[in-house]
Amino acid sequence: MMNRFKIEWACRRGMRELDKMIMPFYQNHFDELSEAQQQTFVEMLNYTDPELFRWFMHQIPAPTEEMGKLIELIRSKIEK
């Protein structure tokens, strides 16, 4: 079982750009994700802000296909 408090705390990033994407997505869409997507989201939070920023800004690809798809999903939900 996932610890929601720990996940929400990990969503708080040091970069404003990431805060504007990750926390709103978590609050509004996390429960809609499949269990595998939720696991990928939690794994993603273990990476550093500079790494996440590069992936979200399409500077470099995410380390796994699943994480890349999740990042694109997050971007699509936030850009609307």
PDB file of N, CA and C in Angstrom:
ATOM      1  N   MET A   1       0.842  -1.193   0.000  1.00  0.00           N
ATOM      2  CA  MET A   1       0.000   0.000   0.000  1.00  0.00           C
ATOM      3  C   MET A   1       0.879   1.245   0.000  1.00  0.00           C
ATOM      4  N   MET A   2       0.457   2.227  -0.755  1.00  0.00           N
ATOM      5  CA  MET A   2       1.251   3.443  -0.890  1.00  0.00           C
ATOM      6  C   MET A   2       0.945   4.422   0.243  1.00  0.00           C
ATOM      7  N   ASN A   3       1.991   5.062   0.706  1.00  0.00           N
ATOM      8  CA  ASN A   3       1.841   6.078   1.745  1.00  0.00           C
ATOM      9  C   ASN A   3       1.565   7.417   1.077  1.00  0.00           C
ATOM     10  N   ARG A   4       0.314   7.847   1.111  1.00  0.00           N
ATOM     11  CA  ARG A   4      -0.103   9.075   0.425  1.00  0.00           C
ATOM     12  C   ARG A   4       0.626  10.307   0.955  1.00  0.00           C
ATOM     13  N   PHE A   5       0.858  10.350   2.252  1.00  0.00           N
ATOM     14  CA  PHE A   5       1.552  11.502   2.832  1.00  0.00           C
ATOM     15  C   PHE A   5       2.965  11.611   2.268  1.00  0.00           C
ATOM     16  N   LYS A   6       3.671  10.475   2.199  1.00  0.00           N
ATOM     17  CA  LYS A   6       5.040  10.483   1.658  1.00  0.00           C
ATOM     18  C   LYS A   6       5.050  10.888   0.186  1.00  0.00           C
ATOM     19  N   ILE A   7       4.076  10.400  -0.573  1.00  0.00           N
ATOM     20  CA  ILE A   7       4.014  10.740  -1.992  1.00  0.00           C
ATOM     21  C   ILE A   7       3.757  12.233  -2.155  1.00  0.00           C
ATOM     22  N   GLU A   8       2.791  12.756  -1.408  1.00  0.00           N
ATOM     23  CA  GLU A   8       2.485  14.185  -1.531  1.00  0.00           C
ATOM     24  C   GLU A   8       3.684  15.033  -1.132  1.00  0.00           C
ATOM     25  N   TRP A   9       4.374  14.622  -0.085  1.00  0.00           N
ATOM     26  CA  TRP A   9       5.558  15.363   0.353  1.00  0.00           C
ATOM     27  C   TRP A   9       6.634  15.339  -0.743  1.00  0.00           C
ATOM     28  N   ALA A  10       6.804  14.188  -1.389  1.00  0.00           N
ATOM     29  CA  ALA A  10       7.811  14.060  -2.448  1.00  0.00           C
ATOM     30  C   ALA A  10       7.433  14.865  -3.694  1.00  0.00           C
ATOM     31  N   CYS A  11       6.146  15.172  -3.847  1.00  0.00           N
ATOM     32  CA  CYS A  11       5.706  15.988  -4.997  1.00  0.00           C
ATOM     33  C   CYS A  11       6.164  17.433  -4.860  1.00  0.00           C
ATOM     34  N   ARG A  12       6.497  17.845  -3.658  1.00  0.00           N
ATOM     35  CA  ARG A  12       6.960  19.219  -3.439  1.00  0.00           C
ATOM     36  C   ARG A  12       8.414  19.300  -3.900  1.00  0.00           C
ATOM     37  N   ARG A  13       8.635  20.033  -4.975  1.00  0.00           N
ATOM     38  CA  ARG A  13       9.956  20.103  -5.566  1.00  0.00           C
ATOM     39  C   ARG A  13      10.592  21.452  -5.278  1.00  0.00           C
ATOM     40  N   GLY A  14      11.869  21.563  -5.580  1.00  0.00           N
ATOM     41  CA  GLY A  14      12.577  22.814  -5.375  1.00  0.00           C
ATOM     42  C   GLY A  14      12.458  23.778  -6.542  1.00  0.00           C
ATOM     43  N   MET A  15      12.012  23.277  -7.680  1.00  0.00           N
ATOM     44  CA  MET A  15      11.874  24.107  -8.882  1.00  0.00           C
ATOM     45  C   MET A  15      10.407  24.462  -9.100  1.00  0.00           C
ATOM     46  N   ARG A  16      10.150  25.743  -9.266  1.00  0.00           N
ATOM     47  CA  ARG A  16       8.770  26.198  -9.468  1.00  0.00           C
ATOM     48  C   ARG A  16       8.125  25.519 -10.680  1.00  0.00           C
ATOM     49  N   GLU A  17       8.891  25.368 -11.763  1.00  0.00           N
ATOM     50  CA  GLU A  17       8.340  24.760 -12.978  1.00  0.00           C
ATOM     51  C   GLU A  17       7.827  23.347 -12.711  1.00  0.00           C
ATOM     52  N   LEU A  18       8.573  22.597 -11.913  1.00  0.00           N
ATOM     53  CA  LEU A  18       8.149  21.237 -11.578  1.00  0.00           C
ATOM     54  C   LEU A  18       6.974  21.252 -10.619  1.00  0.00           C
ATOM     55  N   ASP A  19       6.993  22.166  -9.658  1.00  0.00           N
ATOM     56  CA  ASP A  19       5.876  22.282  -8.710  1.00  0.00           C
ATOM     57  C   ASP A  19       4.562  22.541  -9.429  1.00  0.00           C
ATOM     58  N   LYS A  20       4.618  23.308 -10.504  1.00  0.00           N
ATOM     59  CA  LYS A  20       3.399  23.655 -11.233  1.00  0.00           C
ATOM     60  C   LYS A  20       2.869  22.495 -12.071  1.00  0.00           C
ATOM     61  N   MET A  21       3.674  21.461 -12.247  1.00  0.00           N
ATOM     62  CA  MET A  21       3.230  20.296 -13.014  1.00  0.00           C
ATOM     63  C   MET A  21       2.940  19.094 -12.125  1.00  0.00           C
ATOM     64  N   ILE A  22       3.891  18.759 -11.257  1.00  0.00           N
ATOM     65  CA  ILE A  22       3.803  17.505 -10.521  1.00  0.00           C
ATOM     66  C   ILE A  22       2.722  17.516  -9.442  1.00  0.00           C
ATOM     67  N   MET A  23       2.689  18.537  -8.593  1.00  0.00           N
ATOM     68  CA  MET A  23       1.703  18.559  -7.507  1.00  0.00           C
ATOM     69  C   MET A  23       0.262  18.633  -8.027  1.00  0.00           C
ATOM     70  N   PRO A  24      -0.053  19.533  -8.973  1.00  0.00           N
ATOM     71  CA  PRO A  24      -1.437  19.553  -9.483  1.00  0.00           C
ATOM     72  C   PRO A  24      -1.840  18.219 -10.117  1.00  0.00           C
ATOM     73  N   PHE A  25      -0.906  17.603 -10.840  1.00  0.00           N
ATOM     74  CA  PHE A  25      -1.215  16.303 -11.445  1.00  0.00           C
ATOM     75  C   PHE A  25      -1.503  15.281 -10.354  1.00  0.00           C
ATOM     76  N   TYR A  26      -0.672  15.259  -9.326  1.00  0.00           N
ATOM     77  CA  TYR A  26      -0.887  14.312  -8.234  1.00  0.00           C
ATOM     78  C   TYR A  26      -2.259  14.542  -7.590  1.00  0.00           C
ATOM     79  N   GLN A  27      -2.575  15.771  -7.291  1.00  0.00           N
ATOM     80  CA  GLN A  27      -3.827  16.086  -6.599  1.00  0.00           C
ATOM     81  C   GLN A  27      -5.059  15.795  -7.453  1.00  0.00           C
ATOM     82  N   ASN A  28      -4.955  16.000  -8.765  1.00  0.00           N
ATOM     83  CA  ASN A  28      -6.136  15.900  -9.622  1.00  0.00           C
ATOM     84  C   ASN A  28      -6.255  14.619 -10.443  1.00  0.00           C
ATOM     85  N   HIS A  29      -5.144  13.910 -10.657  1.00  0.00           N
ATOM     86  CA  HIS A  29      -5.196  12.785 -11.593  1.00  0.00           C
ATOM     87  C   HIS A  29      -4.573  11.482 -11.102  1.00  0.00           C
ATOM     88  N   PHE A  30      -3.871  11.496  -9.983  1.00  0.00           N
ATOM     89  CA  PHE A  30      -3.158  10.300  -9.521  1.00  0.00           C
ATOM     90  C   PHE A  30      -4.092   9.107  -9.361  1.00  0.00           C
ATOM     91  N   ASP A  31      -5.271   9.337  -8.795  1.00  0.00           N
ATOM     92  CA  ASP A  31      -6.199   8.231  -8.543  1.00  0.00           C
ATOM     93  C   ASP A  31      -6.739   7.603  -9.820  1.00  0.00           C
ATOM     94  N   GLU A  32      -6.649   8.320 -10.945  1.00  0.00           N
ATOM     95  CA  GLU A  32      -7.118   7.794 -12.234  1.00  0.00           C
ATOM     96  C   GLU A  32      -6.091   6.865 -12.879  1.00  0.00           C
ATOM     97  N   LEU A  33      -4.855   6.898 -12.400  1.00  0.00           N
ATOM     98  CA  LEU A  33      -3.786   6.098 -12.993  1.00  0.00           C
ATOM     99  C   LEU A  33      -3.942   4.624 -12.659  1.00  0.00           C
ATOM    100  N   SER A  34      -3.418   3.776 -13.536  1.00  0.00           N
ATOM    101  CA  SER A  34      -3.357   2.347 -13.239  1.00  0.00           C
ATOM    102  C   SER A  34      -2.349   2.133 -12.103  1.00  0.00           C
ATOM    103  N   GLU A  35      -2.385   0.971 -11.515  1.00  0.00           N
ATOM    104  CA  GLU A  35      -1.435   0.665 -10.434  1.00  0.00           C
ATOM    105  C   GLU A  35       0.004   0.770 -10.936  1.00  0.00           C
ATOM    106  N   ALA A  36       0.253   0.298 -12.155  1.00  0.00           N
ATOM    107  CA  ALA A  36       1.607   0.367 -12.735  1.00  0.00           C
ATOM    108  C   ALA A  36       2.023   1.827 -12.937  1.00  0.00           C
ATOM    109  N   GLN A  37       1.099   2.652 -13.413  1.00  0.00           N
ATOM    110  CA  GLN A  37       1.407   4.075 -13.606  1.00  0.00           C
ATOM    111  C   GLN A  37       1.668   4.763 -12.270  1.00  0.00           C
ATOM    112  N   GLN A  38       0.915   4.393 -11.256  1.00  0.00           N
ATOM    113  CA  GLN A  38       1.146   4.966  -9.929  1.00  0.00           C
ATOM    114  C   GLN A  38       2.532   4.602  -9.424  1.00  0.00           C
ATOM    115  N   GLN A  39       2.941   3.360  -9.644  1.00  0.00           N
ATOM    116  CA  GLN A  39       4.290   2.928  -9.243  1.00  0.00           C
ATOM    117  C   GLN A  39       5.348   3.722  -9.986  1.00  0.00           C
ATOM    118  N   THR A  40       5.137   3.929 -11.277  1.00  0.00           N
ATOM    119  CA  THR A  40       6.088   4.698 -12.086  1.00  0.00           C
ATOM    120  C   THR A  40       6.167   6.134 -11.581  1.00  0.00           C
ATOM    121  N   PHE A  41       5.018   6.717 -11.220  1.00  0.00           N
ATOM    122  CA  PHE A  41       4.983   8.079 -10.685  1.00  0.00           C
ATOM    123  C   PHE A  41       5.824   8.166  -9.413  1.00  0.00           C
ATOM    124  N   VAL A  42       5.638   7.203  -8.507  1.00  0.00           N
ATOM    125  CA  VAL A  42       6.398   7.197  -7.252  1.00  0.00           C
ATOM    126  C   VAL A  42       7.886   7.031  -7.537  1.00  0.00           C
ATOM    127  N   GLU A  43       8.248   6.163  -8.482  1.00  0.00           N
ATOM    128  CA  GLU A  43       9.658   5.988  -8.868  1.00  0.00           C
ATOM    129  C   GLU A  43      10.220   7.296  -9.412  1.00  0.00           C
ATOM    130  N   MET A  44       9.429   7.989 -10.232  1.00  0.00           N
ATOM    131  CA  MET A  44       9.863   9.244 -10.847  1.00  0.00           C
ATOM    132  C   MET A  44      10.251  10.261  -9.775  1.00  0.00           C
ATOM    133  N   LEU A  45       9.539  10.275  -8.666  1.00  0.00           N
ATOM    134  CA  LEU A  45       9.787  11.254  -7.603  1.00  0.00           C
ATOM    135  C   LEU A  45      11.142  11.063  -6.928  1.00  0.00           C
ATOM    136  N   ASN A  46      11.772   9.907  -7.139  1.00  0.00           N
ATOM    137  CA  ASN A  46      13.088   9.650  -6.543  1.00  0.00           C
ATOM    138  C   ASN A  46      14.228  10.322  -7.307  1.00  0.00           C
ATOM    139  N   TYR A  47      13.941  10.818  -8.498  1.00  0.00           N
ATOM    140  CA  TYR A  47      14.979  11.471  -9.292  1.00  0.00           C
ATOM    141  C   TYR A  47      15.141  12.932  -8.869  1.00  0.00           C
ATOM    142  N   THR A  48      16.263  13.520  -9.238  1.00  0.00           N
ATOM    143  CA  THR A  48      16.551  14.905  -8.848  1.00  0.00           C
ATOM    144  C   THR A  48      15.746  15.889  -9.696  1.00  0.00           C
ATOM    145  N   ASP A  49      15.594  17.091  -9.177  1.00  0.00           N
ATOM    146  CA  ASP A  49      14.888  18.133  -9.930  1.00  0.00           C
ATOM    147  C   ASP A  49      15.531  18.401 -11.291  1.00  0.00           C
ATOM    148  N   PRO A  50      16.866  18.532 -11.371  1.00  0.00           N
ATOM    149  CA  PRO A  50      17.464  18.772 -12.694  1.00  0.00           C
ATOM    150  C   PRO A  50      17.153  17.657 -13.698  1.00  0.00           C
ATOM    151  N   GLU A  51      17.153  16.405 -13.243  1.00  0.00           N
ATOM    152  CA  GLU A  51      16.819  15.292 -14.140  1.00  0.00           C
ATOM    153  C   GLU A  51      15.368  15.408 -14.609  1.00  0.00           C
ATOM    154  N   LEU A  52      14.461  15.600 -13.647  1.00  0.00           N
ATOM    155  CA  LEU A  52      13.048  15.715 -13.995  1.00  0.00           C
ATOM    156  C   LEU A  52      12.820  16.880 -14.957  1.00  0.00           C
ATOM    157  N   PHE A  53      13.449  18.000 -14.678  1.00  0.00           N
ATOM    158  CA  PHE A  53      13.283  19.181 -15.521  1.00  0.00           C
ATOM    159  C   PHE A  53      13.689  18.881 -16.960  1.00  0.00           C
ATOM    160  N   ARG A  54      14.821  18.221 -17.142  1.00  0.00           N
ATOM    161  CA  ARG A  54      15.300  17.899 -18.495  1.00  0.00           C
ATOM    162  C   ARG A  54      14.310  16.993 -19.235  1.00  0.00           C
ATOM    163  N   TRP A  55      13.716  16.039 -18.501  1.00  0.00           N
ATOM    164  CA  TRP A  55      12.743  15.142 -19.137  1.00  0.00           C
ATOM    165  C   TRP A  55      11.467  15.896 -19.499  1.00  0.00           C
ATOM    166  N   PHE A  56      10.967  16.696 -18.575  1.00  0.00           N
ATOM    167  CA  PHE A  56       9.727  17.432 -18.821  1.00  0.00           C
ATOM    168  C   PHE A  56       9.880  18.465 -19.933  1.00  0.00           C
ATOM    169  N   MET A  57      11.081  19.013 -20.086  1.00  0.00           N
ATOM    170  CA  MET A  57      11.326  20.018 -21.116  1.00  0.00           C
ATOM    171  C   MET A  57      11.844  19.409 -22.417  1.00  0.00           C
ATOM    172  N   HIS A  58      11.811  18.083 -22.502  1.00  0.00           N
ATOM    173  CA  HIS A  58      12.245  17.352 -23.698  1.00  0.00           C
ATOM    174  C   HIS A  58      13.712  17.592 -24.049  1.00  0.00           C
ATOM    175  N   GLN A  59      14.537  17.864 -23.054  1.00  0.00           N
ATOM    176  CA  GLN A  59      15.960  18.046 -23.313  1.00  0.00           C
ATOM    177  C   GLN A  59      16.669  16.710 -23.463  1.00  0.00           C
ATOM    178  N   ILE A  60      16.258  15.737 -22.665  1.00  0.00           N
ATOM    179  CA  ILE A  60      16.767  14.371 -22.783  1.00  0.00           C
ATOM    180  C   ILE A  60      15.610  13.415 -22.509  1.00  0.00           C
ATOM    181  N   PRO A  61      15.675  12.194 -23.038  1.00  0.00           N
ATOM    182  CA  PRO A  61      14.585  11.247 -22.799  1.00  0.00           C
ATOM    183  C   PRO A  61      14.598  10.715 -21.355  1.00  0.00           C
ATOM    184  N   ALA A  62      13.435  10.364 -20.876  1.00  0.00           N
ATOM    185  CA  ALA A  62      13.312   9.735 -19.557  1.00  0.00           C
ATOM    186  C   ALA A  62      14.012   8.375 -19.602  1.00  0.00           C
ATOM    187  N   PRO A  63      14.400   7.847 -18.443  1.00  0.00           N
ATOM    188  CA  PRO A  63      15.189   6.600 -18.418  1.00  0.00           C
ATOM    189  C   PRO A  63      14.428   5.352 -18.861  1.00  0.00           C
ATOM    190  N   THR A  64      13.105   5.366 -18.785  1.00  0.00           N
ATOM    191  CA  THR A  64      12.330   4.202 -19.236  1.00  0.00           C
ATOM    192  C   THR A  64      11.179   4.678 -20.115  1.00  0.00           C
ATOM    193  N   GLU A  65      10.686   3.792 -20.939  1.00  0.00           N
ATOM    194  CA  GLU A  65       9.563   4.117 -21.809  1.00  0.00           C
ATOM    195  C   GLU A  65       8.325   4.456 -20.973  1.00  0.00           C
ATOM    196  N   GLU A  66       8.111   3.690 -19.896  1.00  0.00           N
ATOM    197  CA  GLU A  66       6.950   3.923 -19.035  1.00  0.00           C
ATOM    198  C   GLU A  66       7.000   5.318 -18.422  1.00  0.00           C
ATOM    199  N   MET A  67       8.173   5.717 -17.970  1.00  0.00           N
ATOM    200  CA  MET A  67       8.310   7.036 -17.355  1.00  0.00           C
ATOM    201  C   MET A  67       8.128   8.130 -18.406  1.00  0.00           C
ATOM    202  N   GLY A  68       8.630   7.911 -19.589  1.00  0.00           N
ATOM    203  CA  GLY A  68       8.441   8.871 -20.670  1.00  0.00           C
ATOM    204  C   GLY A  68       6.967   9.075 -20.990  1.00  0.00           C
ATOM    205  N   LYS A  69       6.224   7.974 -21.040  1.00  0.00           N
ATOM    206  CA  LYS A  69       4.783   8.064 -21.310  1.00  0.00           C
ATOM    207  C   LYS A  69       4.068   8.799 -20.184  1.00  0.00           C
ATOM    208  N   LEU A  70       4.457   8.540 -18.950  1.00  0.00           N
ATOM    209  CA  LEU A  70       3.845   9.211 -17.808  1.00  0.00           C
ATOM    210  C   LEU A  70       4.132  10.714 -17.839  1.00  0.00           C
ATOM    211  N   ILE A  71       5.358  11.081 -18.162  1.00  0.00           N
ATOM    212  CA  ILE A  71       5.718  12.498 -18.247  1.00  0.00           C
ATOM    213  C   ILE A  71       4.885  13.185 -19.318  1.00  0.00           C
ATOM    214  N   GLU A  72       4.693  12.538 -20.452  1.00  0.00           N
ATOM    215  CA  GLU A  72       3.854  13.123 -21.502  1.00  0.00           C
ATOM    216  C   GLU A  72       2.405  13.249 -21.038  1.00  0.00           C
ATOM    217  N   LEU A  73       1.925  12.275 -20.284  1.00  0.00           N
ATOM    218  CA  LEU A  73       0.569  12.348 -19.737  1.00  0.00           C
ATOM    219  C   LEU A  73       0.446  13.533 -18.781  1.00  0.00           C
ATOM    220  N   ILE A  74       1.425  13.692 -17.910  1.00  0.00           N
ATOM    221  CA  ILE A  74       1.417  14.818 -16.968  1.00  0.00           C
ATOM    222  C   ILE A  74       1.412  16.135 -17.743  1.00  0.00           C
ATOM    223  N   ARG A  75       2.284  16.242 -18.733  1.00  0.00           N
ATOM    224  CA  ARG A  75       2.339  17.474 -19.542  1.00  0.00           C
ATOM    225  C   ARG A  75       0.995  17.746 -20.213  1.00  0.00           C
ATOM    226  N   SER A  76       0.362  16.716 -20.734  1.00  0.00           N
ATOM    227  CA  SER A  76      -0.904  16.911 -21.452  1.00  0.00           C
ATOM    228  C   SER A  76      -2.020  17.367 -20.504  1.00  0.00           C
ATOM    229  N   LYS A  77      -2.018  16.879 -19.279  1.00  0.00           N
ATOM    230  CA  LYS A  77      -3.061  17.269 -18.316  1.00  0.00           C
ATOM    231  C   LYS A  77      -2.842  18.692 -17.809  1.00  0.00           C
ATOM    232  N   ILE A  78      -1.600  19.096 -17.687  1.00  0.00           N
ATOM    233  CA  ILE A  78      -1.279  20.420 -17.125  1.00  0.00           C
ATOM    234  C   ILE A  78      -1.431  21.518 -18.190  1.00  0.00           C
ATOM    235  N   GLU A  79      -1.130  21.187 -19.434  1.00  0.00           N
ATOM    236  CA  GLU A  79      -1.158  22.208 -20.500  1.00  0.00           C
ATOM    237  C   GLU A  79      -2.576  22.610 -20.876  1.00  0.00           C
ATOM    238  N   LYS A  80      -3.571  21.840 -20.454  1.00  0.00           N
ATOM    239  CA  LYS A  80      -4.964  22.169 -20.806  1.00  0.00           C
ATOM    240  C   LYS A  80      -5.526  23.244 -19.917  1.00  0.00           C
TER     241      LYS A  80
END
